[in-house]
Amino acid sequence: MIGIGVLAALAVALFRAKRKHINTDHIYNLTFLCLVFGFLGAKLLYGIVDWKTVIQNPLTLITGNGFVVFGGIIGGVITSMVYCSVKKISFPQIFDLLIPEIAIAQGFGRIGCLLAGCCYGRHTDSSIGIIFRHSDYAPNNVKLVPTQIIFSICAFALAILLIIYSRYNKRDGEVGALYIVLYSIGRFFLEFLRGDYRGTVFGFLSTSQFIAIITLLMGICYFAVLRIRKPVHLDTK
């Protein structure tokens, strides 16, 4: 599902890049680089959050198990910033172009979580609860909040909202800033529905909630700065 998400995101990004007259070579290059360093970022943050498991089984860091999405996002953003700096192209414009596709990839990725049973929700008696029968990750034969489905729906909805917003905004960087703000808010509250271990900060916040607070403040500041500035578009060819 992650693979399908990447291909879907790439297809949409190429389509939008052509419409905006952006060199598609940058899209291919960034897709590859962000996959590599996003993977490393997700693994690194997982190793920090669940260090006890990593110590017991170091091979976890090189398998397909054990990721923290926030780490992947941070890794991808830093990679994009470095790439744009080296190529001397507009990072805000590239960021605006690619960020809705990141949400698309996340939507498919969360379907993968559902199929695997990871990132599962808390126990519930609600009628919308789901039951796993043969999962290696989620508790089996008990009703759980369908966090993976909720995450996926929110991610796809966010992607659509960002693409629509991108047609009207006049400041490069606003779409990316809006993603940071909305994703941080959504992730903070959706974390309350999770039932799996995700590390703790201050004893009551999950690691992702703590990071979400920081990224929310950064996103708000970034958006405010962009709003103060005059609308500027830079060519990325």
C-alpha atoms as a PDB file:
ATOM      1  CA  MET A   1       0.000   0.000   0.000  1.00  0.00           C
ATOM      2  CA  ILE A   2       2.921   2.328   0.594  1.00  0.00           C
ATOM      3  CA  GLY A   3       4.128   1.504  -2.912  1.00  0.00           C
ATOM      4  CA  ILE A   4       0.705   2.238  -4.370  1.00  0.00           C
ATOM      5  CA  GLY A   5       0.609   5.480  -2.405  1.00  0.00           C
ATOM      6  CA  VAL A   6       3.988   6.565  -3.763  1.00  0.00           C
ATOM      7  CA  LEU A   7       2.980   5.807  -7.356  1.00  0.00           C
ATOM      8  CA  ALA A   8      -0.349   7.633  -6.944  1.00  0.00           C
ATOM      9  CA  ALA A   9       1.408  10.615  -5.371  1.00  0.00           C
ATOM     10  CA  LEU A  10       4.015  10.691  -8.134  1.00  0.00           C
ATOM     11  CA  ALA A  11       1.343  10.589 -10.855  1.00  0.00           C
ATOM     12  CA  VAL A  12      -0.582  13.484  -9.318  1.00  0.00           C
ATOM     13  CA  ALA A  13       2.627  15.469  -8.713  1.00  0.00           C
ATOM     14  CA  LEU A  14       3.747  15.063 -12.336  1.00  0.00           C
ATOM     15  CA  PHE A  15       0.328  16.116 -13.592  1.00  0.00           C
ATOM     16  CA  ARG A  16       0.279  19.224 -11.406  1.00  0.00           C
ATOM     17  CA  ALA A  17       3.914  20.060 -12.189  1.00  0.00           C
ATOM     18  CA  LYS A  18       3.207  20.095 -15.923  1.00  0.00           C
ATOM     19  CA  ARG A  19       0.230  22.379 -15.408  1.00  0.00           C
ATOM     20  CA  LYS A  20       2.388  24.749 -13.379  1.00  0.00           C
ATOM     21  CA  HIS A  21       5.274  24.512 -15.905  1.00  0.00           C
ATOM     22  CA  ILE A  22       7.658  23.059 -13.329  1.00  0.00           C
ATOM     23  CA  ASN A  23      10.496  20.857 -14.531  1.00  0.00           C
ATOM     24  CA  THR A  24       9.379  17.273 -13.890  1.00  0.00           C
ATOM     25  CA  ASP A  25      12.991  16.137 -13.451  1.00  0.00           C
ATOM     26  CA  HIS A  26      12.861  17.774 -10.027  1.00  0.00           C
ATOM     27  CA  ILE A  27       9.786  15.696  -9.174  1.00  0.00           C
ATOM     28  CA  TYR A  28      11.463  12.409 -10.077  1.00  0.00           C
ATOM     29  CA  ASN A  29      14.655  13.350  -8.228  1.00  0.00           C
ATOM     30  CA  LEU A  30      12.820  14.480  -5.101  1.00  0.00           C
ATOM     31  CA  THR A  31      10.579  11.419  -5.083  1.00  0.00           C
ATOM     32  CA  PHE A  32      13.609   9.151  -4.958  1.00  0.00           C
ATOM     33  CA  LEU A  33      15.561  11.250  -2.461  1.00  0.00           C
ATOM     34  CA  CYS A  34      12.607  11.833  -0.148  1.00  0.00           C
ATOM     35  CA  LEU A  35      11.793   8.118  -0.157  1.00  0.00           C
ATOM     36  CA  VAL A  36      15.330   7.259   0.918  1.00  0.00           C
ATOM     37  CA  PHE A  37      15.767   9.952   3.554  1.00  0.00           C
ATOM     38  CA  GLY A  38      12.124   9.844   4.617  1.00  0.00           C
ATOM     39  CA  PHE A  39      12.580   6.125   5.308  1.00  0.00           C
ATOM     40  CA  LEU A  40      15.709   6.864   7.316  1.00  0.00           C
ATOM     41  CA  GLY A  41      13.944   9.633   9.242  1.00  0.00           C
ATOM     42  CA  ALA A  42      10.982   7.401  10.063  1.00  0.00           C
ATOM     43  CA  LYS A  43      13.319   4.647  11.221  1.00  0.00           C
ATOM     44  CA  LEU A  44      15.462   7.018  13.271  1.00  0.00           C
ATOM     45  CA  LEU A  45      12.492   8.445  15.157  1.00  0.00           C
ATOM     46  CA  TYR A  46      11.130   4.923  15.685  1.00  0.00           C
ATOM     47  CA  GLY A  47      14.481   3.922  17.164  1.00  0.00           C
ATOM     48  CA  ILE A  48      14.307   6.883  19.545  1.00  0.00           C
ATOM     49  CA  VAL A  49      10.666   6.271  20.535  1.00  0.00           C
ATOM     50  CA  ASP A  50      10.891   2.493  20.971  1.00  0.00           C
ATOM     51  CA  TRP A  51      14.556   2.161  21.902  1.00  0.00           C
ATOM     52  CA  LYS A  52      13.937  -0.782  24.214  1.00  0.00           C
ATOM     53  CA  THR A  53      12.601  -2.890  21.335  1.00  0.00           C
ATOM     54  CA  VAL A  54      15.511  -1.826  19.124  1.00  0.00           C
ATOM     55  CA  ILE A  55      18.032  -2.843  21.783  1.00  0.00           C
ATOM     56  CA  GLN A  56      16.372  -6.250  22.096  1.00  0.00           C
ATOM     57  CA  ASN A  57      16.101  -6.683  18.331  1.00  0.00           C
ATOM     58  CA  PRO A  58      18.407  -4.329  16.352  1.00  0.00           C
ATOM     59  CA  LEU A  59      17.257  -5.913  13.065  1.00  0.00           C
ATOM     60  CA  THR A  60      14.012  -3.986  13.498  1.00  0.00           C
ATOM     61  CA  LEU A  61      15.807  -0.939  12.102  1.00  0.00           C
ATOM     62  CA  ILE A  62      16.416  -2.623   8.744  1.00  0.00           C
ATOM     63  CA  THR A  63      13.112  -4.433   8.312  1.00  0.00           C
ATOM     64  CA  GLY A  64       9.786  -3.224   6.982  1.00  0.00           C
ATOM     65  CA  ASN A  65       8.440  -2.966  10.525  1.00  0.00           C
ATOM     66  CA  GLY A  66       8.695   0.024  12.815  1.00  0.00           C
ATOM     67  CA  PHE A  67       8.148   3.510  11.424  1.00  0.00           C
ATOM     68  CA  VAL A  68       7.123   6.876  12.864  1.00  0.00           C
ATOM     69  CA  VAL A  69       5.426   8.971  10.178  1.00  0.00           C
ATOM     70  CA  PHE A  70       6.524  12.287  11.676  1.00  0.00           C
ATOM     71  CA  GLY A  71      10.140  11.205  11.264  1.00  0.00           C
ATOM     72  CA  GLY A  72       9.521  10.467   7.608  1.00  0.00           C
ATOM     73  CA  ILE A  73       7.880  13.852   7.036  1.00  0.00           C
ATOM     74  CA  ILE A  74      10.718  15.707   8.753  1.00  0.00           C
ATOM     75  CA  GLY A  75      13.299  13.721   6.809  1.00  0.00           C
ATOM     76  CA  GLY A  76      11.522  14.433   3.525  1.00  0.00           C
ATOM     77  CA  VAL A  77      11.166  18.156   4.200  1.00  0.00           C
ATOM     78  CA  ILE A  78      14.825  18.573   5.160  1.00  0.00           C
ATOM     79  CA  THR A  79      15.859  16.628   2.046  1.00  0.00           C
ATOM     80  CA  SER A  80      13.693  18.865  -0.137  1.00  0.00           C
ATOM     81  CA  MET A  81      15.163  22.006   1.410  1.00  0.00           C
ATOM     82  CA  VAL A  82      18.716  20.810   0.781  1.00  0.00           C
ATOM     83  CA  TYR A  83      17.878  19.744  -2.784  1.00  0.00           C
ATOM     84  CA  CYS A  84      16.270  23.086  -3.621  1.00  0.00           C
ATOM     85  CA  SER A  85      19.208  24.934  -2.117  1.00  0.00           C
ATOM     86  CA  VAL A  86      21.713  22.948  -4.186  1.00  0.00           C
ATOM     87  CA  LYS A  87      19.661  23.303  -7.379  1.00  0.00           C
ATOM     88  CA  LYS A  88      18.926  26.976  -6.591  1.00  0.00           C
ATOM     89  CA  ILE A  89      15.185  26.593  -7.081  1.00  0.00           C
ATOM     90  CA  SER A  90      12.215  27.782  -5.023  1.00  0.00           C
ATOM     91  CA  PHE A  91      11.616  25.508  -2.030  1.00  0.00           C
ATOM     92  CA  PRO A  92       8.242  27.096  -1.109  1.00  0.00           C
ATOM     93  CA  GLN A  93       6.908  26.460  -4.627  1.00  0.00           C
ATOM     94  CA  ILE A  94       8.162  22.859  -4.646  1.00  0.00           C
ATOM     95  CA  PHE A  95       6.810  22.367  -1.128  1.00  0.00           C
ATOM     96  CA  ASP A  96       3.373  23.613  -2.199  1.00  0.00           C
ATOM     97  CA  LEU A  97       3.405  21.300  -5.199  1.00  0.00           C
ATOM     98  CA  LEU A  98       4.424  18.125  -3.377  1.00  0.00           C
ATOM     99  CA  ILE A  99       2.700  18.415  -0.009  1.00  0.00           C
ATOM    100  CA  PRO A 100      -0.823  17.432  -1.183  1.00  0.00           C
ATOM    101  CA  GLU A 101       0.719  14.315  -2.739  1.00  0.00           C
ATOM    102  CA  ILE A 102       2.355  13.506   0.597  1.00  0.00           C
ATOM    103  CA  ALA A 103      -1.132  13.439   2.104  1.00  0.00           C
ATOM    104  CA  ILE A 104      -2.270  11.103  -0.681  1.00  0.00           C
ATOM    105  CA  ALA A 105       0.612   8.729   0.040  1.00  0.00           C
ATOM    106  CA  GLN A 106      -0.248   8.852   3.739  1.00  0.00           C
ATOM    107  CA  GLY A 107      -3.842   7.925   2.964  1.00  0.00           C
ATOM    108  CA  PHE A 108      -2.754   4.759   1.168  1.00  0.00           C
ATOM    109  CA  GLY A 109      -0.130   4.037   3.802  1.00  0.00           C
ATOM    110  CA  ARG A 110      -2.768   4.022   6.535  1.00  0.00           C
ATOM    111  CA  ILE A 111      -4.759   1.464   4.543  1.00  0.00           C
ATOM    112  CA  GLY A 112      -1.610  -0.637   4.753  1.00  0.00           C
ATOM    113  CA  CYS A 113      -1.657  -0.135   8.516  1.00  0.00           C
ATOM    114  CA  LEU A 114      -5.218  -1.427   8.565  1.00  0.00           C
ATOM    115  CA  LEU A 115      -4.303  -4.525   6.565  1.00  0.00           C
ATOM    116  CA  ALA A 116      -1.325  -5.225   8.827  1.00  0.00           C
ATOM    117  CA  GLY A 117      -3.114  -4.359  12.063  1.00  0.00           C
ATOM    118  CA  CYS A 118      -0.505  -1.865  13.258  1.00  0.00           C
ATOM    119  CA  CYS A 119      -1.277   1.637  14.558  1.00  0.00           C
ATOM    120  CA  TYR A 120      -4.459   0.188  16.042  1.00  0.00           C
ATOM    121  CA  GLY A 121      -6.987   2.010  18.177  1.00  0.00           C
ATOM    122  CA  ARG A 122      -8.201   1.786  21.735  1.00  0.00           C
ATOM    123  CA  HIS A 123     -10.747  -0.727  22.910  1.00  0.00           C
ATOM    124  CA  THR A 124     -14.307   0.403  22.203  1.00  0.00           C
ATOM    125  CA  ASP A 125     -17.890  -0.777  22.480  1.00  0.00           C
ATOM    126  CA  SER A 126     -18.952   1.513  19.643  1.00  0.00           C
ATOM    127  CA  SER A 127     -20.758   0.147  16.605  1.00  0.00           C
ATOM    128  CA  ILE A 128     -17.951   1.441  14.363  1.00  0.00           C
ATOM    129  CA  GLY A 129     -15.332  -0.679  16.101  1.00  0.00           C
ATOM    130  CA  ILE A 130     -13.388  -3.278  14.109  1.00  0.00           C
ATOM    131  CA  ILE A 131     -12.092  -6.693  15.189  1.00  0.00           C
ATOM    132  CA  PHE A 132      -8.808  -8.271  14.112  1.00  0.00           C
ATOM    133  CA  ARG A 133      -8.651 -12.056  14.009  1.00  0.00           C
ATOM    134  CA  HIS A 134      -5.116 -12.900  12.909  1.00  0.00           C
ATOM    135  CA  SER A 135      -3.036  -9.763  13.433  1.00  0.00           C
ATOM    136  CA  ASP A 136       0.565  -9.935  14.606  1.00  0.00           C
ATOM    137  CA  TYR A 137       0.285  -6.395  16.007  1.00  0.00           C
ATOM    138  CA  ALA A 138      -3.240  -5.527  17.148  1.00  0.00           C
ATOM    139  CA  PRO A 139      -5.060  -7.330  19.949  1.00  0.00           C
ATOM    140  CA  ASN A 140      -7.194 -10.033  18.340  1.00  0.00           C
ATOM    141  CA  ASN A 141     -10.871 -10.768  18.930  1.00  0.00           C
ATOM    142  CA  VAL A 142     -11.624  -7.453  20.650  1.00  0.00           C
ATOM    143  CA  LYS A 143     -13.382  -4.417  19.209  1.00  0.00           C
ATOM    144  CA  LEU A 144     -11.039  -1.491  18.515  1.00  0.00           C
ATOM    145  CA  VAL A 145     -11.432   2.086  17.289  1.00  0.00           C
ATOM    146  CA  PRO A 146     -10.681   2.007  13.521  1.00  0.00           C
ATOM    147  CA  THR A 147      -7.900   4.582  13.780  1.00  0.00           C
ATOM    148  CA  GLN A 148      -6.309   3.487  10.498  1.00  0.00           C
ATOM    149  CA  ILE A 149      -9.515   4.142   8.552  1.00  0.00           C
ATOM    150  CA  ILE A 150     -10.015   7.509  10.273  1.00  0.00           C
ATOM    151  CA  PHE A 151      -6.404   8.510   9.515  1.00  0.00           C
ATOM    152  CA  SER A 152      -6.785   7.456   5.889  1.00  0.00           C
ATOM    153  CA  ILE A 153     -10.023   9.378   5.325  1.00  0.00           C
ATOM    154  CA  CYS A 154      -8.554  12.488   6.953  1.00  0.00           C
ATOM    155  CA  ALA A 155      -5.404  12.239   4.816  1.00  0.00           C
ATOM    156  CA  PHE A 156      -7.335  11.987   1.550  1.00  0.00           C
ATOM    157  CA  ALA A 157      -9.641  14.825   2.612  1.00  0.00           C
ATOM    158  CA  LEU A 158      -6.610  16.952   3.489  1.00  0.00           C
ATOM    159  CA  ALA A 159      -5.056  16.265   0.073  1.00  0.00           C
ATOM    160  CA  ILE A 160      -8.234  17.382  -1.707  1.00  0.00           C
ATOM    161  CA  LEU A 161      -8.492  20.515   0.448  1.00  0.00           C
ATOM    162  CA  LEU A 162      -4.864  21.463  -0.231  1.00  0.00           C
ATOM    163  CA  ILE A 163      -5.185  20.969  -3.988  1.00  0.00           C
ATOM    164  CA  ILE A 164      -8.307  23.145  -4.059  1.00  0.00           C
ATOM    165  CA  TYR A 165      -6.618  25.784  -1.893  1.00  0.00           C
ATOM    166  CA  SER A 166      -3.562  25.787  -4.151  1.00  0.00           C
ATOM    167  CA  ARG A 167      -5.706  27.080  -7.022  1.00  0.00           C
ATOM    168  CA  TYR A 168      -6.498  30.271  -5.148  1.00  0.00           C
ATOM    169  CA  ASN A 169      -3.507  31.090  -2.966  1.00  0.00           C
ATOM    170  CA  LYS A 170      -1.120  33.762  -4.248  1.00  0.00           C
ATOM    171  CA  ARG A 171       1.813  33.224  -1.926  1.00  0.00           C
ATOM    172  CA  ASP A 172       4.303  30.424  -2.454  1.00  0.00           C
ATOM    173  CA  GLY A 173       4.552  28.371   0.718  1.00  0.00           C
ATOM    174  CA  GLU A 174       0.988  28.803   1.975  1.00  0.00           C
ATOM    175  CA  VAL A 175      -0.171  25.348   0.911  1.00  0.00           C
ATOM    176  CA  GLY A 176       2.752  23.774   2.747  1.00  0.00           C
ATOM    177  CA  ALA A 177       2.109  25.911   5.815  1.00  0.00           C
ATOM    178  CA  LEU A 178      -1.569  24.957   5.794  1.00  0.00           C
ATOM    179  CA  TYR A 179      -0.633  21.267   5.647  1.00  0.00           C
ATOM    180  CA  ILE A 180       1.672  21.635   8.643  1.00  0.00           C
ATOM    181  CA  VAL A 181      -1.045  23.358  10.676  1.00  0.00           C
ATOM    182  CA  LEU A 182      -3.922  21.032   9.780  1.00  0.00           C
ATOM    183  CA  TYR A 183      -1.897  17.823   9.954  1.00  0.00           C
ATOM    184  CA  SER A 184      -0.486  18.778  13.353  1.00  0.00           C
ATOM    185  CA  ILE A 185      -3.955  19.502  14.755  1.00  0.00           C
ATOM    186  CA  GLY A 186      -5.441  16.333  13.314  1.00  0.00           C
ATOM    187  CA  ARG A 187      -2.554  14.159  14.444  1.00  0.00           C
ATOM    188  CA  PHE A 188      -2.651  15.570  17.974  1.00  0.00           C
ATOM    189  CA  PHE A 189      -6.302  14.678  18.510  1.00  0.00           C
ATOM    190  CA  LEU A 190      -6.282  11.388  16.605  1.00  0.00           C
ATOM    191  CA  GLU A 191      -3.452  10.196  18.829  1.00  0.00           C
ATOM    192  CA  PHE A 192      -5.957  10.027  21.695  1.00  0.00           C
ATOM    193  CA  LEU A 193      -7.714   7.210  19.814  1.00  0.00           C
ATOM    194  CA  ARG A 194      -4.579   5.089  19.444  1.00  0.00           C
ATOM    195  CA  GLY A 195      -4.057   2.006  21.580  1.00  0.00           C
ATOM    196  CA  ASP A 196      -0.530   1.005  20.564  1.00  0.00           C
ATOM    197  CA  TYR A 197       2.644   2.109  22.316  1.00  0.00           C
ATOM    198  CA  ARG A 198       4.153   5.288  20.811  1.00  0.00           C
ATOM    199  CA  GLY A 199       6.441   6.580  23.541  1.00  0.00           C
ATOM    200  CA  THR A 200       5.565   9.281  26.064  1.00  0.00           C
ATOM    201  CA  VAL A 201       6.683  12.824  26.791  1.00  0.00           C
ATOM    202  CA  PHE A 202       5.971  14.416  30.198  1.00  0.00           C
ATOM    203  CA  GLY A 203       4.130  11.212  31.065  1.00  0.00           C
ATOM    204  CA  PHE A 204       0.876  12.079  29.290  1.00  0.00           C
ATOM    205  CA  LEU A 205       1.684  13.095  25.706  1.00  0.00           C
ATOM    206  CA  SER A 206       2.688  10.631  23.021  1.00  0.00           C
ATOM    207  CA  THR A 207       5.868  11.432  21.118  1.00  0.00           C
ATOM    208  CA  SER A 208       3.822  12.370  18.048  1.00  0.00           C
ATOM    209  CA  GLN A 209       1.595  14.684  20.092  1.00  0.00           C
ATOM    210  CA  PHE A 210       4.638  16.480  21.460  1.00  0.00           C
ATOM    211  CA  ILE A 211       6.074  16.877  17.955  1.00  0.00           C
ATOM    212  CA  ALA A 212       2.646  17.978  16.676  1.00  0.00           C
ATOM    213  CA  ILE A 213       2.581  20.865  19.164  1.00  0.00           C
ATOM    214  CA  ILE A 214       5.981  22.041  17.933  1.00  0.00           C
ATOM    215  CA  THR A 215       5.121  21.697  14.252  1.00  0.00           C
ATOM    216  CA  LEU A 216       1.773  23.432  14.817  1.00  0.00           C
ATOM    217  CA  LEU A 217       3.505  26.482  16.271  1.00  0.00           C
ATOM    218  CA  MET A 218       6.038  26.434  13.428  1.00  0.00           C
ATOM    219  CA  GLY A 219       3.262  26.125  10.847  1.00  0.00           C
ATOM    220  CA  ILE A 220       1.293  29.030  12.326  1.00  0.00           C
ATOM    221  CA  CYS A 221       4.394  31.227  12.379  1.00  0.00           C
ATOM    222  CA  TYR A 222       5.292  30.247   8.826  1.00  0.00           C
ATOM    223  CA  PHE A 223       1.763  30.973   7.608  1.00  0.00           C
ATOM    224  CA  ALA A 224       1.705  34.329   9.423  1.00  0.00           C
ATOM    225  CA  VAL A 225       5.015  35.397   7.870  1.00  0.00           C
ATOM    226  CA  LEU A 226       3.770  34.454   4.409  1.00  0.00           C
ATOM    227  CA  ARG A 227       0.581  36.451   4.969  1.00  0.00           C
ATOM    228  CA  ILE A 228       2.555  39.539   5.959  1.00  0.00           C
ATOM    229  CA  ARG A 229       4.739  39.378   2.876  1.00  0.00           C
ATOM    230  CA  LYS A 230       3.561  40.469  -0.536  1.00  0.00           C
ATOM    231  CA  PRO A 231       2.531  37.681  -2.940  1.00  0.00           C
ATOM    232  CA  VAL A 232       5.641  36.381  -4.716  1.00  0.00           C
ATOM    233  CA  HIS A 233       6.011  33.513  -7.178  1.00  0.00           C
ATOM    234  CA  LEU A 234       9.371  32.205  -8.286  1.00  0.00           C
ATOM    235  CA  ASP A 235       9.863  30.100 -11.415  1.00  0.00           C
ATOM    236  CA  THR A 236      11.034  26.528 -10.906  1.00  0.00           C
ATOM    237  CA  LYS A 237      12.258  25.190 -14.218  1.00  0.00           C
END
